[in-house]
Amino acid sequence: MPFDLQAMADDLRLFTDRRLLTDVEAAQVLKVVDEHFPFARAIGLADTIHVHVNVDSIDNLPGTMALTGPATKIEHNEVEYKIEFASGVNVIFATEPTAQDELIDGAVTSAKPYVDHLGIDLRDESNSTRKIFDDIPRVASEAGWRHVFQDGPVNCCHVVMGPKHWVYPPTPLIGGRPVEFAFGALAPSDTYVGCDYRPIDPAHPLAGRAAEIVSCCNTGECAPAEMATVYAPAQIAAPVTGVTVAPTPRKIYIFEECTCNTSPSSSLLTLLNNRYPDTDVRAFDLAKPKGLVPLPPALFMELQVRPAGALPAIVVDGQVRSQGWTPNFTDAVELIESPDLSGLARRSEVSESCCGADDSCHRPT
């Protein structure tokens, strides 16, 4: 359906005004209906877009009358409260776990209420819609989004549905939560059918523990089970521990976020390329990402909990060597060839501006 951006914004404001959604979360909902969104073709076929919000309780939602007044439909039970609007936005408040993250100790760092995911509901089961649905993995790969496929039937308490594609933004700086593309009509069930949890982001540092979680907890107790098929960029490096660093690194990546017209690390890159001719030396501007961004899990997590001091960062063979400053050539070589593996090299005194006088790109800590 065609989505009315202004109507959606008005409906979402009901929730941001009551602090049930943050402005950033509401902005991501509006971003998915932008014509430049990588998955715009699928969005154009969506019946609705749902916003799944994790809460402690549905009994004390602030301003319930104001929230539900403009609604076209309201459904709820003891663990879920769903509000539908004519704009095509549905907001769901839920108290039960919906994602693998919630079952892994330390994986969730946000305080409730928070958006777990956005859902794109593709209820039309025509061949043309299925073709666009099946093309989502390719689109995700080209746009640098990580991807996980859940084959159908997918169970959700008292509802059975078709297959799902889950996509994850290239970096936290792009803004936002996982996006679900669900294909096919819903099939309600009179009996409890279990819950297939949202897959954790493959780049999450604790993603390896997802194998411990049962995909369908009929008894309420989780046990090991076969997981959903995971598709993630091969370049995403796993955390490195207890590894002796090779004299000649294979990859030296600089991650930065800068609005400068040229990369502030360009001179450093030239020097590093001359010193390490057989090494893949590159810089990635997270403010303007192009294609796949091989963000290591450790830096991904740091950007989640401490975004202001995480960049610029130097990563050598998947291991973060420095954060919060761009070193000169001498310091960079020392970090690369003689790193202190007991901790990260940081600098707290950095320029308040993005582009420093020495062409360094800094973020204040």
Protein backbone atom coordinates (compact mmCIF):
# COMPACT_ATOMS: atom_id res chain seq x y z
CA MET A 1 0.00 0.00 0.00
CA PRO A 2 1.18 3.60 -0.47
CA PHE A 3 2.15 4.99 2.93
CA ASP A 4 1.28 8.57 3.91
CA LEU A 5 4.44 9.92 5.52
CA GLN A 6 2.68 12.74 7.37
CA ALA A 7 -0.05 10.46 8.71
CA MET A 8 2.56 8.00 9.91
CA ALA A 9 4.52 10.79 11.60
CA ASP A 10 1.36 12.01 13.38
CA ASP A 11 0.59 8.52 14.66
CA LEU A 12 4.15 7.92 15.83
CA ARG A 13 4.16 11.26 17.65
CA LEU A 14 1.48 9.86 19.97
CA PHE A 15 4.13 7.44 21.23
CA THR A 16 7.18 9.71 21.27
CA ASP A 17 5.23 12.30 23.27
CA ARG A 18 4.66 9.63 25.92
CA ARG A 19 8.22 8.29 25.77
CA LEU A 20 7.08 4.92 24.52
CA LEU A 21 9.22 5.46 21.42
CA THR A 22 12.33 7.57 21.11
CA ASP A 23 12.68 10.13 18.33
CA VAL A 24 15.41 7.96 16.79
CA GLU A 25 13.15 4.89 16.75
CA ALA A 26 10.28 6.85 15.19
CA ALA A 27 12.67 8.26 12.59
CA GLN A 28 13.69 4.78 11.51
CA VAL A 29 10.05 3.83 10.93
CA LEU A 30 9.71 6.82 8.62
CA LYS A 31 13.03 6.01 6.96
CA VAL A 32 11.85 2.62 5.73
CA VAL A 33 9.16 4.26 3.57
CA ASP A 34 11.67 6.60 1.95
CA GLU A 35 12.03 6.02 -1.78
CA HIS A 36 15.78 5.61 -1.35
CA PHE A 37 15.47 2.84 1.24
CA PRO A 38 17.34 -0.22 -0.16
CA PHE A 39 14.24 -2.42 0.17
CA ALA A 40 11.80 0.12 -1.30
CA ARG A 41 10.34 -2.40 -3.77
CA ALA A 42 9.26 -4.69 -0.94
CA ILE A 43 7.96 -1.76 1.11
CA GLY A 44 5.73 -0.77 -1.82
CA LEU A 45 4.00 -4.17 -1.58
CA ALA A 46 3.58 -4.15 2.21
CA ASP A 47 0.12 -4.21 3.75
CA THR A 48 1.31 -2.72 7.04
CA ILE A 49 4.45 -1.87 9.00
CA HIS A 50 4.53 -2.96 12.62
CA VAL A 51 6.72 -1.63 15.40
CA HIS A 52 7.43 -4.24 18.08
CA VAL A 53 8.14 -2.61 21.44
CA ASN A 54 9.40 -4.55 24.45
CA VAL A 55 7.88 -3.37 27.74
CA ASP A 56 7.81 -4.56 31.33
CA SER A 57 4.01 -4.42 31.53
CA ILE A 58 1.06 -3.59 29.30
CA ASP A 59 -1.11 -2.69 32.27
CA ASN A 60 0.27 0.80 32.79
CA LEU A 61 0.86 2.24 29.34
CA PRO A 62 0.74 6.04 29.70
CA GLY A 63 -2.08 7.89 27.97
CA THR A 64 -3.92 4.80 26.78
CA MET A 65 -7.00 6.76 25.74
CA ALA A 66 -4.94 9.21 23.70
CA LEU A 67 -3.05 6.34 22.09
CA THR A 68 -6.09 4.31 21.16
CA GLY A 69 -8.43 7.18 20.26
CA PRO A 70 -7.21 7.55 16.66
CA ALA A 71 -6.74 3.78 16.25
CA THR A 72 -8.74 1.72 13.78
CA LYS A 73 -8.34 -1.52 15.72
CA ILE A 74 -7.09 -2.65 19.13
CA GLU A 75 -6.24 -6.19 20.17
CA HIS A 76 -4.74 -7.33 23.44
CA ASN A 77 -4.28 -10.18 25.85
CA GLU A 78 -2.35 -10.58 29.09
CA VAL A 79 1.08 -10.23 27.40
CA GLU A 80 0.49 -8.15 24.27
CA TYR A 81 -1.24 -4.90 23.28
CA LYS A 82 -1.58 -4.13 19.55
CA ILE A 83 -2.76 -0.77 18.18
CA GLU A 84 -3.50 -0.39 14.46
CA PHE A 85 -3.78 2.90 12.54
CA ALA A 86 -5.17 3.86 9.15
CA SER A 87 -1.71 5.11 8.15
CA GLY A 88 -0.57 1.49 7.99
CA VAL A 89 1.48 1.65 11.19
CA ASN A 90 0.77 -0.95 13.85
CA VAL A 91 2.44 -0.62 17.24
CA ILE A 92 2.75 -3.75 19.37
CA PHE A 93 3.70 -3.70 23.05
CA ALA A 94 4.82 -7.08 24.35
CA THR A 95 6.13 -8.38 27.65
CA GLU A 96 7.24 -11.85 26.53
CA PRO A 97 10.67 -12.42 24.93
CA THR A 98 10.60 -12.14 21.16
CA ALA A 99 14.31 -12.26 20.29
CA GLN A 100 17.27 -14.52 20.93
CA ASP A 101 19.03 -11.48 22.40
CA GLU A 102 16.67 -11.51 25.39
CA LEU A 103 17.66 -15.08 26.27
CA ILE A 104 21.41 -14.41 26.21
CA ASP A 105 22.79 -12.84 29.36
CA GLY A 106 24.33 -9.45 28.56
CA ALA A 107 23.17 -9.28 24.95
CA VAL A 108 20.50 -6.61 25.55
CA THR A 109 21.82 -3.23 26.72
CA SER A 110 18.68 -1.11 26.23
CA ALA A 111 16.23 -0.30 29.01
CA LYS A 112 12.54 -0.93 28.40
CA PRO A 113 10.58 0.30 26.62
CA TYR A 114 12.62 -0.15 23.46
CA VAL A 115 11.93 -1.20 19.88
CA ASP A 116 13.03 -4.76 19.22
CA HIS A 117 12.34 -4.68 15.49
CA LEU A 118 10.32 -3.22 12.65
CA GLY A 119 8.14 -5.61 10.66
CA ILE A 120 7.21 -5.32 6.99
CA ASP A 121 4.06 -7.36 6.47
CA LEU A 122 3.85 -8.84 2.97
CA ARG A 123 0.51 -10.65 3.13
CA ASP A 124 -0.03 -10.94 -0.65
CA GLU A 125 1.10 -14.42 -1.71
CA SER A 126 1.26 -13.78 -5.45
CA ASN A 127 4.26 -14.88 -7.49
CA SER A 128 5.28 -11.26 -8.12
CA THR A 129 5.40 -10.51 -4.39
CA ARG A 130 7.22 -13.76 -3.69
CA LYS A 131 9.82 -12.88 -6.31
CA ILE A 132 10.59 -9.56 -4.61
CA PHE A 133 10.60 -11.28 -1.20
CA ASP A 134 13.09 -13.90 -2.45
CA ASP A 135 15.32 -11.12 -3.79
CA ILE A 136 15.82 -9.54 -0.34
CA PRO A 137 19.06 -11.45 0.45
CA ARG A 138 20.67 -10.12 -2.73
CA VAL A 139 19.52 -6.56 -2.01
CA ALA A 140 20.80 -6.84 1.55
CA SER A 141 24.21 -8.06 0.39
CA GLU A 142 24.61 -5.27 -2.15
CA ALA A 143 23.54 -2.63 0.39
CA GLY A 144 25.85 -3.99 3.10
CA TRP A 145 23.05 -5.18 5.40
CA ARG A 146 23.49 -8.43 7.29
CA HIS A 147 20.80 -11.06 6.73
CA VAL A 148 19.23 -14.07 8.42
CA PHE A 149 16.57 -16.30 6.87
CA GLN A 150 13.85 -18.06 8.87
CA ASP A 151 12.12 -20.73 6.84
CA GLY A 152 8.40 -21.18 7.32
CA PRO A 153 6.26 -22.10 9.03
CA VAL A 154 7.30 -19.62 11.71
CA ASN A 155 5.43 -19.92 15.00
CA CYS A 156 4.44 -17.02 17.21
CA CYS A 157 2.36 -18.06 20.22
CA HIS A 158 -1.11 -18.53 18.66
CA VAL A 159 -0.21 -17.59 15.08
CA VAL A 160 1.56 -19.51 12.32
CA MET A 161 3.09 -17.59 9.43
CA GLY A 162 5.28 -18.04 6.40
CA PRO A 163 9.02 -17.51 5.92
CA LYS A 164 10.86 -14.40 7.05
CA HIS A 165 13.91 -12.45 5.99
CA TRP A 166 15.60 -10.47 8.76
CA VAL A 167 17.98 -7.67 7.79
CA TYR A 168 20.29 -5.66 10.02
CA PRO A 169 21.60 -2.14 9.23
CA PRO A 170 25.24 -1.90 8.13
CA THR A 171 26.32 -0.16 11.35
CA PRO A 172 24.62 1.25 14.42
CA LEU A 173 25.43 4.71 13.05
CA ILE A 174 22.98 4.16 10.22
CA GLY A 175 20.37 4.09 12.93
CA GLY A 176 18.08 1.42 13.94
CA ARG A 177 16.81 -1.91 14.78
CA PRO A 178 16.46 -5.13 12.75
CA VAL A 179 13.86 -5.12 10.00
CA GLU A 180 11.66 -8.17 9.41
CA PHE A 181 10.09 -9.05 6.05
CA ALA A 182 7.30 -11.58 6.65
CA PHE A 183 5.73 -13.32 3.64
CA GLY A 184 2.21 -14.70 3.55
CA ALA A 185 -1.05 -14.55 5.43
CA LEU A 186 -1.33 -15.19 9.16
CA ALA A 187 -2.93 -18.45 10.33
CA PRO A 188 -4.37 -18.09 13.84
CA SER A 189 -4.37 -21.18 16.05
CA ASP A 190 -6.63 -22.06 18.97
CA THR A 191 -3.71 -23.80 20.64
CA TYR A 192 -0.31 -22.47 21.66
CA VAL A 193 2.18 -23.25 18.89
CA GLY A 194 5.36 -21.97 20.52
CA CYS A 195 7.64 -19.09 19.62
CA ASP A 196 10.40 -18.90 17.02
CA TYR A 197 12.57 -16.09 18.29
CA ARG A 198 13.96 -13.25 16.21
CA PRO A 199 17.55 -14.21 15.27
CA ILE A 200 20.27 -12.18 16.90
CA ASP A 201 22.35 -9.89 14.68
CA PRO A 202 25.14 -12.08 13.23
CA ALA A 203 27.63 -9.29 14.04
CA HIS A 204 26.70 -9.20 17.73
CA PRO A 205 29.65 -10.30 19.89
CA LEU A 206 27.43 -12.85 21.65
CA ALA A 207 25.86 -14.26 18.47
CA GLY A 208 27.78 -17.49 18.93
CA ARG A 209 25.67 -18.30 21.96
CA ALA A 210 22.47 -18.38 19.90
CA ALA A 211 22.98 -22.10 19.34
CA GLU A 212 22.08 -22.62 23.00
CA ILE A 213 18.57 -21.30 22.45
CA VAL A 214 15.67 -23.47 21.36
CA SER A 215 13.85 -22.12 18.32
CA CYS A 216 10.42 -23.05 19.67
CA CYS A 217 9.94 -23.15 23.45
CA ASN A 218 6.70 -25.06 23.81
CA THR A 219 7.36 -25.88 27.42
CA GLY A 220 8.71 -22.47 28.41
CA GLU A 221 12.19 -23.96 28.94
CA CYS A 222 14.94 -23.46 26.38
CA ALA A 223 17.19 -26.26 25.20
CA PRO A 224 19.68 -26.61 22.33
CA ALA A 225 18.04 -26.77 18.93
CA GLU A 226 18.81 -26.21 15.27
CA MET A 227 18.90 -22.51 14.51
CA ALA A 228 17.69 -20.42 11.58
CA THR A 229 19.94 -20.23 8.53
CA VAL A 230 22.35 -17.33 8.88
CA TYR A 231 23.70 -15.25 6.01
CA ALA A 232 26.26 -12.66 7.05
CA PRO A 233 29.09 -10.90 5.24
CA ALA A 234 32.14 -13.12 5.42
CA GLN A 235 34.29 -10.09 6.07
CA ILE A 236 32.80 -9.56 9.53
CA ALA A 237 35.65 -10.64 11.77
CA ALA A 238 35.15 -12.60 14.97
CA PRO A 239 36.72 -11.28 18.19
CA VAL A 240 40.34 -12.39 18.50
CA THR A 241 41.59 -13.57 21.88
CA GLY A 242 44.89 -15.12 22.86
CA VAL A 243 46.32 -14.85 19.36
CA THR A 244 49.89 -13.85 18.57
CA VAL A 245 49.78 -11.00 16.07
CA ALA A 246 51.61 -11.79 12.84
CA PRO A 247 54.51 -9.48 11.91
CA THR A 248 52.79 -8.66 8.62
CA PRO A 249 49.05 -8.09 9.07
CA ARG A 250 46.59 -9.19 6.43
CA LYS A 251 44.14 -6.31 6.95
CA ILE A 252 44.44 -2.83 8.41
CA TYR A 253 41.11 -0.99 8.48
CA ILE A 254 40.42 2.52 9.70
CA PHE A 255 36.81 3.25 10.65
CA GLU A 256 35.84 6.92 10.87
CA GLU A 257 32.78 9.12 10.78
CA CYS A 258 33.46 12.48 9.21
CA THR A 259 31.75 15.04 7.01
CA CYS A 260 35.06 16.14 5.48
CA ASN A 261 35.19 16.14 1.69
CA THR A 262 38.29 13.94 1.77
CA SER A 263 39.22 11.17 4.16
CA PRO A 264 41.15 12.65 7.11
CA SER A 265 43.21 9.46 7.21
CA SER A 266 44.27 9.63 3.55
CA SER A 267 47.89 10.62 4.29
CA LEU A 268 48.16 7.87 6.93
CA LEU A 269 46.70 5.33 4.48
CA THR A 270 49.33 6.26 1.88
CA LEU A 271 52.15 5.73 4.37
CA LEU A 272 50.70 2.46 5.64
CA ASN A 273 50.26 1.16 2.09
CA ASN A 274 53.92 1.93 1.40
CA ARG A 275 55.05 0.13 4.57
CA TYR A 276 52.73 -2.86 4.11
CA PRO A 277 52.45 -3.40 0.33
CA ASP A 278 50.94 -6.90 0.71
CA THR A 279 48.33 -5.82 3.26
CA ASP A 280 44.75 -4.74 2.56
CA VAL A 281 44.80 -1.17 3.92
CA ARG A 282 41.53 0.75 3.71
CA ALA A 283 39.40 3.39 5.40
CA PHE A 284 35.62 3.23 5.90
CA ASP A 285 33.59 6.39 6.43
CA LEU A 286 30.60 5.30 8.52
CA ALA A 287 28.88 8.62 7.89
CA LYS A 288 28.69 7.74 4.19
CA PRO A 289 29.04 3.96 3.92
CA LYS A 290 29.42 2.44 0.48
CA GLY A 291 28.55 -1.22 0.20
CA LEU A 292 29.73 -3.75 2.75
CA VAL A 293 31.27 -2.37 5.94
CA PRO A 294 33.36 -5.12 7.64
CA LEU A 295 32.70 -3.84 11.14
CA PRO A 296 34.22 -6.17 13.77
CA PRO A 297 31.88 -7.29 16.56
CA ALA A 298 33.91 -5.60 19.32
CA LEU A 299 33.63 -2.22 17.61
CA PHE A 300 29.97 -2.88 16.78
CA MET A 301 29.24 -3.36 20.49
CA GLU A 302 31.29 -0.29 21.45
CA LEU A 303 29.26 1.85 19.04
CA GLN A 304 26.11 0.60 20.75
CA VAL A 305 27.14 1.51 24.30
CA ARG A 306 29.72 4.28 23.81
CA PRO A 307 29.24 5.84 20.35
CA ALA A 308 30.83 9.20 21.17
CA GLY A 309 34.28 7.75 21.90
CA ALA A 310 34.44 4.79 19.55
CA LEU A 311 35.67 6.53 16.39
CA PRO A 312 38.05 6.92 14.68
CA ALA A 313 39.28 3.36 15.21
CA ILE A 314 42.09 1.27 13.78
CA VAL A 315 41.38 -2.45 13.39
CA VAL A 316 44.12 -4.93 12.53
CA ASP A 317 43.04 -8.40 11.42
CA GLY A 318 39.75 -8.03 13.25
CA GLN A 319 41.22 -6.67 16.50
CA VAL A 320 40.62 -3.08 17.60
CA ARG A 321 43.96 -1.38 18.29
CA SER A 322 42.95 2.25 18.88
CA GLN A 323 39.77 4.23 19.44
CA GLY A 324 38.85 7.89 19.68
CA TRP A 325 41.80 9.31 17.72
CA THR A 326 43.73 9.01 14.49
CA PRO A 327 47.39 8.36 15.34
CA ASN A 328 50.30 9.72 13.35
CA PHE A 329 52.33 7.30 11.25
CA THR A 330 54.86 6.48 13.98
CA ASP A 331 52.16 5.76 16.58
CA ALA A 332 50.15 3.74 14.06
CA VAL A 333 53.11 1.49 13.25
CA GLU A 334 53.71 0.91 16.95
CA LEU A 335 50.07 -0.02 17.48
CA ILE A 336 50.16 -2.39 14.51
CA GLU A 337 53.49 -4.07 15.14
CA SER A 338 53.82 -3.88 18.94
CA PRO A 339 50.26 -3.68 20.27
CA ASP A 340 49.34 -3.74 23.93
CA LEU A 341 46.90 -6.65 23.85
CA SER A 342 45.83 -5.96 27.44
CA GLY A 343 43.76 -2.93 26.42
CA LEU A 344 42.82 -0.43 23.75
CA ALA A 345 44.86 2.65 22.96
CA ARG A 346 42.61 5.64 23.61
CA ARG A 347 42.97 9.38 23.77
CA SER A 348 40.50 11.50 25.69
CA GLU A 349 41.82 14.89 24.62
CA VAL A 350 40.64 15.26 21.04
CA SER A 351 39.43 18.04 18.85
CA GLU A 352 35.81 19.13 19.26
CA SER A 353 35.52 19.43 15.50
CA CYS A 354 35.43 16.57 13.06
CA CYS A 355 38.36 17.76 10.93
CA GLY A 356 41.34 18.81 13.01
CA ALA A 357 44.08 21.18 11.94
CA ASP A 358 46.37 18.18 11.39
CA ASP A 359 43.83 16.56 9.06
CA SER A 360 42.91 14.09 11.81
CA CYS A 361 39.27 13.16 12.17
CA HIS A 362 38.23 13.15 15.81
CA ARG A 363 35.10 12.59 17.85
CA PRO A 364 34.94 13.99 21.39
CA THR A 365 34.76 11.41 24.17
